[in-house]
C-alpha atoms as a PDB file:
ATOM      1  CA  MET A   1      12.944  -6.340  17.769  1.00  0.00           C
ATOM      2  CA  PRO A   2      12.029  -7.952  21.350  1.00  0.00           C
ATOM      3  CA  LEU A   3      13.912 -11.581  21.996  1.00  0.00           C
ATOM      4  CA  SER A   4      10.607 -12.965  22.312  1.00  0.00           C
ATOM      5  CA  THR A   5       9.484 -11.691  18.772  1.00  0.00           C
ATOM      6  CA  PHE A   6      12.328 -13.135  17.141  1.00  0.00           C
ATOM      7  CA  LEU A   7      11.815 -16.159  19.113  1.00  0.00           C
ATOM      8  CA  LEU A   8       7.977 -16.641  17.733  1.00  0.00           C
ATOM      9  CA  ILE A   9       9.122 -15.681  14.227  1.00  0.00           C
ATOM     10  CA  ALA A  10      12.156 -18.530  14.502  1.00  0.00           C
ATOM     11  CA  ALA A  11       9.385 -20.921  15.573  1.00  0.00           C
ATOM     12  CA  VAL A  12       7.185 -20.372  12.702  1.00  0.00           C
ATOM     13  CA  ILE A  13       9.835 -20.479  10.255  1.00  0.00           C
ATOM     14  CA  GLU A  14      10.982 -24.015  11.549  1.00  0.00           C
ATOM     15  CA  VAL A  15       7.903 -25.305  12.192  1.00  0.00           C
ATOM     16  CA  LEU A  16       6.236 -24.505   8.547  1.00  0.00           C
ATOM     17  CA  PHE A  17       9.903 -25.988   7.166  1.00  0.00           C
ATOM     18  CA  GLY A  18       9.624 -29.008   9.629  1.00  0.00           C
ATOM     19  CA  LEU A  19       5.980 -30.050   9.000  1.00  0.00           C
ATOM     20  CA  GLY A  20       6.682 -29.502   5.003  1.00  0.00           C
ATOM     21  CA  PHE A  21      10.211 -31.993   5.508  1.00  0.00           C
ATOM     22  CA  LEU A  22       8.436 -34.431   7.767  1.00  0.00           C
ATOM     23  CA  LEU A  23       4.789 -34.851   6.077  1.00  0.00           C
ATOM     24  CA  LEU A  24       5.297 -33.912   2.250  1.00  0.00           C
ATOM     25  CA  PRO A  25       9.092 -33.835   1.706  1.00  0.00           C
ATOM     26  CA  GLU A  26       8.636 -34.667  -2.088  1.00  0.00           C
ATOM     27  CA  ALA A  27       6.315 -31.486  -2.352  1.00  0.00           C
ATOM     28  CA  ALA A  28       8.209 -29.445   0.147  1.00  0.00           C
ATOM     29  CA  LEU A  29      11.731 -29.482  -1.986  1.00  0.00           C
ATOM     30  CA  ALA A  30       9.841 -29.471  -5.238  1.00  0.00           C
ATOM     31  CA  PRO A  31       9.775 -26.103  -6.039  1.00  0.00           C
ATOM     32  CA  LEU A  32      13.584 -25.770  -5.346  1.00  0.00           C
ATOM     33  CA  GLY A  33      13.900 -28.256  -7.999  1.00  0.00           C
ATOM     34  CA  VAL A  34      15.068 -31.254  -6.124  1.00  0.00           C
ATOM     35  CA  ARG A  35      14.152 -35.055  -6.543  1.00  0.00           C
ATOM     36  CA  LEU A  36      14.374 -37.553  -3.806  1.00  0.00           C
ATOM     37  CA  ASN A  37      14.816 -41.013  -3.710  1.00  0.00           C
ATOM     38  CA  PRO A  38      13.603 -43.138  -0.828  1.00  0.00           C
ATOM     39  CA  ALA A  39      16.641 -42.849   1.457  1.00  0.00           C
ATOM     40  CA  GLY A  40      16.322 -39.219   0.768  1.00  0.00           C
ATOM     41  CA  ILE A  41      12.380 -39.027   1.917  1.00  0.00           C
ATOM     42  CA  MET A  42      13.233 -40.727   5.065  1.00  0.00           C
ATOM     43  CA  LEU A  43      16.285 -38.133   5.597  1.00  0.00           C
ATOM     44  CA  ALA A  44      14.156 -35.520   4.854  1.00  0.00           C
ATOM     45  CA  ARG A  45      11.332 -36.799   7.467  1.00  0.00           C
ATOM     46  CA  VAL A  46      14.153 -37.320  10.324  1.00  0.00           C
ATOM     47  CA  PHE A  47      15.365 -33.638   9.395  1.00  0.00           C
ATOM     48  CA  GLY A  48      11.835 -32.392   9.736  1.00  0.00           C
ATOM     49  CA  ALA A  49      11.317 -33.934  13.099  1.00  0.00           C
ATOM     50  CA  ALA A  50      14.342 -32.222  14.127  1.00  0.00           C
ATOM     51  CA  LEU A  51      13.261 -28.834  13.049  1.00  0.00           C
ATOM     52  CA  ILE A  52       9.863 -29.046  15.025  1.00  0.00           C
ATOM     53  CA  SER A  53      12.019 -29.734  17.696  1.00  0.00           C
ATOM     54  CA  PHE A  54      13.673 -26.330  17.267  1.00  0.00           C
ATOM     55  CA  ALA A  55      10.250 -24.750  16.772  1.00  0.00           C
ATOM     56  CA  LEU A  56       9.159 -26.080  19.799  1.00  0.00           C
ATOM     57  CA  LEU A  57      12.436 -25.043  21.711  1.00  0.00           C
ATOM     58  CA  PHE A  58      12.163 -21.540  20.490  1.00  0.00           C
ATOM     59  CA  TRP A  59       8.327 -21.102  21.532  1.00  0.00           C
ATOM     60  CA  TRP A  60       9.404 -22.614  25.152  1.00  0.00           C
ATOM     61  CA  VAL A  61      12.284 -19.904  25.788  1.00  0.00           C
ATOM     62  CA  ARG A  62      10.478 -16.827  23.848  1.00  0.00           C
ATOM     63  CA  GLU A  63       9.622 -15.613  27.401  1.00  0.00           C
ATOM     64  CA  ALA A  64      12.355 -16.916  29.266  1.00  0.00           C
ATOM     65  CA  THR A  65      14.046 -14.411  31.762  1.00  0.00           C
ATOM     66  CA  PRO A  66      17.995 -14.046  30.912  1.00  0.00           C
ATOM     67  CA  SER A  67      20.023 -17.023  32.178  1.00  0.00           C
ATOM     68  CA  GLN A  68      23.179 -19.516  31.109  1.00  0.00           C
ATOM     69  CA  ALA A  69      20.727 -21.911  29.590  1.00  0.00           C
ATOM     70  CA  LEU A  70      19.136 -19.395  27.100  1.00  0.00           C
ATOM     71  CA  THR A  71      22.520 -17.847  26.087  1.00  0.00           C
ATOM     72  CA  ALA A  72      23.528 -21.443  25.583  1.00  0.00           C
ATOM     73  CA  ILE A  73      20.331 -22.408  23.623  1.00  0.00           C
ATOM     74  CA  LEU A  74      20.431 -19.159  21.586  1.00  0.00           C
ATOM     75  CA  ARG A  75      24.126 -19.410  20.651  1.00  0.00           C
ATOM     76  CA  ALA A  76      23.759 -22.783  19.650  1.00  0.00           C
ATOM     77  CA  ALA A  77      20.837 -22.083  17.647  1.00  0.00           C
ATOM     78  CA  ALA A  78      23.576 -19.351  15.869  1.00  0.00           C
ATOM     79  CA  ILE A  79      26.545 -22.199  15.507  1.00  0.00           C
ATOM     80  CA  TYR A  80      23.810 -24.343  14.015  1.00  0.00           C
ATOM     81  CA  PHE A  81      22.093 -21.859  11.368  1.00  0.00           C
ATOM     82  CA  ALA A  82      25.354 -20.339  10.483  1.00  0.00           C
ATOM     83  CA  VAL A  83      27.122 -24.213  10.036  1.00  0.00           C
ATOM     84  CA  SER A  84      24.187 -25.334   7.690  1.00  0.00           C
ATOM     85  CA  THR A  85      24.485 -22.211   5.749  1.00  0.00           C
ATOM     86  CA  ILE A  86      27.528 -23.764   3.991  1.00  0.00           C
ATOM     87  CA  PRO A  87      26.242 -27.238   2.511  1.00  0.00           C
ATOM     88  CA  LEU A  88      23.312 -25.105   1.675  1.00  0.00           C
ATOM     89  CA  VAL A  89      25.683 -22.621  -0.412  1.00  0.00           C
ATOM     90  CA  LEU A  90      27.645 -25.382  -1.748  1.00  0.00           C
ATOM     91  CA  GLY A  91      24.496 -27.244  -2.610  1.00  0.00           C
ATOM     92  CA  VAL A  92      22.758 -24.533  -4.719  1.00  0.00           C
ATOM     93  CA  SER A  93      25.849 -22.824  -6.268  1.00  0.00           C
ATOM     94  CA  GLY A  94      26.631 -26.130  -7.431  1.00  0.00           C
ATOM     95  CA  GLY A  95      23.378 -27.481  -8.860  1.00  0.00           C
ATOM     96  CA  LEU A  96      21.633 -29.562  -6.554  1.00  0.00           C
ATOM     97  CA  ALA A  97      18.512 -26.954  -6.414  1.00  0.00           C
ATOM     98  CA  ASN A  98      17.821 -24.111  -8.589  1.00  0.00           C
ATOM     99  CA  ALA A  99      17.667 -20.567  -7.848  1.00  0.00           C
ATOM    100  CA  LEU A 100      14.888 -20.635  -5.097  1.00  0.00           C
ATOM    101  CA  GLY A 101      17.713 -22.518  -3.132  1.00  0.00           C
ATOM    102  CA  TRP A 102      19.262 -18.985  -2.423  1.00  0.00           C
ATOM    103  CA  GLY A 103      15.854 -18.016  -0.265  1.00  0.00           C
ATOM    104  CA  THR A 104      16.790 -21.041   2.239  1.00  0.00           C
ATOM    105  CA  VAL A 105      20.382 -19.964   2.309  1.00  0.00           C
ATOM    106  CA  VAL A 106      19.125 -16.160   3.076  1.00  0.00           C
ATOM    107  CA  ILE A 107      16.487 -17.720   5.935  1.00  0.00           C
ATOM    108  CA  HIS A 108      19.807 -19.677   7.292  1.00  0.00           C
ATOM    109  CA  VAL A 109      22.066 -15.962   7.118  1.00  0.00           C
ATOM    110  CA  GLY A 110      19.241 -14.337   8.694  1.00  0.00           C
ATOM    111  CA  LEU A 111      18.470 -16.255  11.843  1.00  0.00           C
ATOM    112  CA  ALA A 112      22.242 -16.894  12.162  1.00  0.00           C
ATOM    113  CA  ALA A 113      22.674 -13.437  12.591  1.00  0.00           C
ATOM    114  CA  GLY A 114      19.291 -12.989  14.862  1.00  0.00           C
ATOM    115  CA  PHE A 115      20.585 -15.303  17.170  1.00  0.00           C
ATOM    116  CA  TRP A 116      24.288 -14.176  17.215  1.00  0.00           C
ATOM    117  CA  HIS A 117      23.047 -10.867  18.032  1.00  0.00           C
ATOM    118  CA  TYR A 118      20.927 -12.025  20.571  1.00  0.00           C
ATOM    119  CA  GLY A 119      23.341 -14.871  22.099  1.00  0.00           C
ATOM    120  CA  MET A 120      26.170 -12.492  22.283  1.00  0.00           C
ATOM    121  CA  ARG A 121      24.515  -9.633  23.910  1.00  0.00           C
ATOM    122  CA  LYS A 122      26.283  -8.967  27.459  1.00  0.00           C
END
């Protein structure tokens, strides 16, 4: 798959989750069995804004020519998705989310692998 297609897919995933967390955090997390208090709602909205920023970054660089900056973006995204998988696995396996939470883990692992693949190419 071309890098531009992968970045488009990543941008769509991030904007959908980002808008959900920003605009309707309780509804976005309810299918996972997660209930939010007011502080959790605020943090989910901040997280949603960050995900929208990721989506825009992935959209803007999807047609970029190879450069050190593009490689840095791809590697940083790989690290984010890999590291964020750890608290997701701990949370789902610890009962903080229901079995649907594993879908989020799979998405993060897939994105981590994709960004690692493209970011480590010579």
